[in-house]
Protein backbone atom coordinates (compact mmCIF):
# COMPACT_ATOMS: atom_id res chain seq x y z
CA MET A 1 -7.57 17.01 13.31
CA SER A 2 -4.07 15.66 13.11
CA PRO A 3 -2.52 14.27 9.94
CA LYS A 4 -2.84 10.79 11.41
CA HIS A 5 -6.60 11.26 11.83
CA TRP A 6 -6.88 12.44 8.23
CA PHE A 7 -4.91 9.42 7.09
CA VAL A 8 -7.25 7.05 8.96
CA LEU A 9 -10.27 8.82 7.49
CA ALA A 10 -8.83 8.63 3.97
CA CYS A 11 -8.11 4.91 4.39
CA ARG A 12 -11.67 4.28 5.56
CA VAL A 13 -13.13 6.24 2.63
CA MET A 14 -10.94 4.26 0.22
CA GLY A 15 -12.10 1.07 1.93
CA VAL A 16 -15.75 1.94 1.34
CA TRP A 17 -14.98 2.87 -2.25
CA THR A 18 -13.14 -0.42 -2.82
CA LEU A 19 -16.00 -2.41 -1.27
CA LEU A 20 -18.46 -0.71 -3.59
CA GLY A 21 -16.29 -1.78 -6.51
CA ALA A 22 -16.20 -5.31 -5.09
CA ILE A 23 -19.99 -5.41 -5.09
CA THR A 24 -20.07 -4.70 -8.81
CA SER A 25 -17.45 -7.40 -9.37
CA TRP A 26 -19.52 -9.94 -7.42
CA VAL A 27 -22.57 -8.96 -9.49
CA THR A 28 -20.54 -9.63 -12.64
CA VAL A 29 -19.55 -13.06 -11.26
CA HIS A 30 -23.20 -13.78 -10.55
CA ASN A 31 -24.22 -12.72 -14.06
CA VAL A 32 -21.57 -14.95 -15.65
CA LEU A 33 -22.63 -17.93 -13.52
CA LYS A 34 -26.31 -17.43 -14.38
CA GLY A 35 -25.55 -17.05 -18.08
CA PHE A 36 -26.68 -13.43 -18.38
CA PHE A 37 -23.22 -12.43 -19.61
CA ARG A 38 -20.57 -14.37 -21.52
CA PRO A 39 -17.08 -12.91 -21.26
CA GLU A 40 -15.02 -13.16 -24.43
CA SER A 41 -11.49 -12.96 -23.05
CA THR A 42 -11.58 -13.24 -19.23
CA SER A 43 -12.41 -16.48 -17.45
CA ILE A 44 -14.78 -16.68 -14.49
CA GLY A 45 -11.72 -17.26 -12.28
CA GLY A 46 -10.39 -13.84 -13.21
CA TYR A 47 -13.62 -12.19 -12.17
CA VAL A 48 -13.75 -14.15 -8.89
CA LEU A 49 -10.12 -13.28 -8.11
CA HIS A 50 -10.74 -9.59 -8.81
CA ALA A 51 -13.86 -9.56 -6.63
CA ALA A 52 -12.15 -11.41 -3.77
CA VAL A 53 -9.08 -9.16 -3.76
CA ASP A 54 -11.26 -6.04 -3.82
CA THR A 55 -13.32 -7.40 -0.94
CA VAL A 56 -10.30 -8.26 1.22
CA LEU A 57 -8.54 -4.97 0.45
CA GLY A 58 -11.68 -2.93 1.13
CA LEU A 59 -12.30 -4.66 4.46
CA TYR A 60 -8.67 -4.17 5.49
CA LEU A 61 -8.76 -0.47 4.64
CA LEU A 62 -12.05 -0.06 6.48
CA VAL A 63 -11.25 -2.08 9.60
CA GLY A 64 -7.45 -1.94 9.74
CA SER A 65 -6.93 1.74 9.03
CA ALA A 66 -5.76 2.46 12.59
CA GLN A 67 -3.10 -0.27 12.39
CA LEU A 68 -1.99 1.02 8.99
CA ALA A 69 -1.73 4.55 10.40
CA SER A 70 0.37 3.29 13.31
CA LEU A 71 2.80 1.77 10.81
CA VAL A 72 3.06 5.08 8.97
CA TYR A 73 2.88 7.60 11.85
CA GLY A 74 4.02 5.63 14.89
CA HIS A 75 2.26 3.66 17.59
CA SER A 76 0.12 6.35 19.21
CA ASP A 77 -3.64 5.73 19.18
CA PRO A 78 -5.34 7.89 16.49
CA ASP A 79 -8.42 8.28 18.70
CA SER A 80 -6.47 9.56 21.69
CA THR A 81 -5.61 13.19 22.29
CA SER A 82 -1.98 14.08 22.92
CA GLU A 83 -0.89 16.18 25.88
CA ALA A 84 0.09 19.05 23.57
CA ASP A 85 -3.42 19.05 22.08
CA VAL A 86 -4.97 19.14 25.56
CA GLU A 87 -2.71 22.01 26.63
CA SER A 88 -3.47 24.04 23.51
CA GLN A 89 -7.21 23.53 24.01
CA ASN A 90 -6.94 24.58 27.67
CA ARG A 91 -5.17 27.82 26.71
CA LYS A 92 -8.05 28.88 24.45
């Protein structure tokens, strides 16, 4: 696997991790709205903002990892195989 493939994989793993954190944030928002939990210092808006940003960031990392990799590594498709990779596999 090329470094670009590893980068895409790492972005997708971080996206899943961020979405899991967003789920817990949305549960906290739900608990505050239902009255199960009363925050002492943070308003409900802070919890909603945190949950929304985590959701958007997680979805971008999960879905847009190939575009992010093309910004970092160039515009080649991370799912395509380069000619050098094909030649090296044919020699084996």
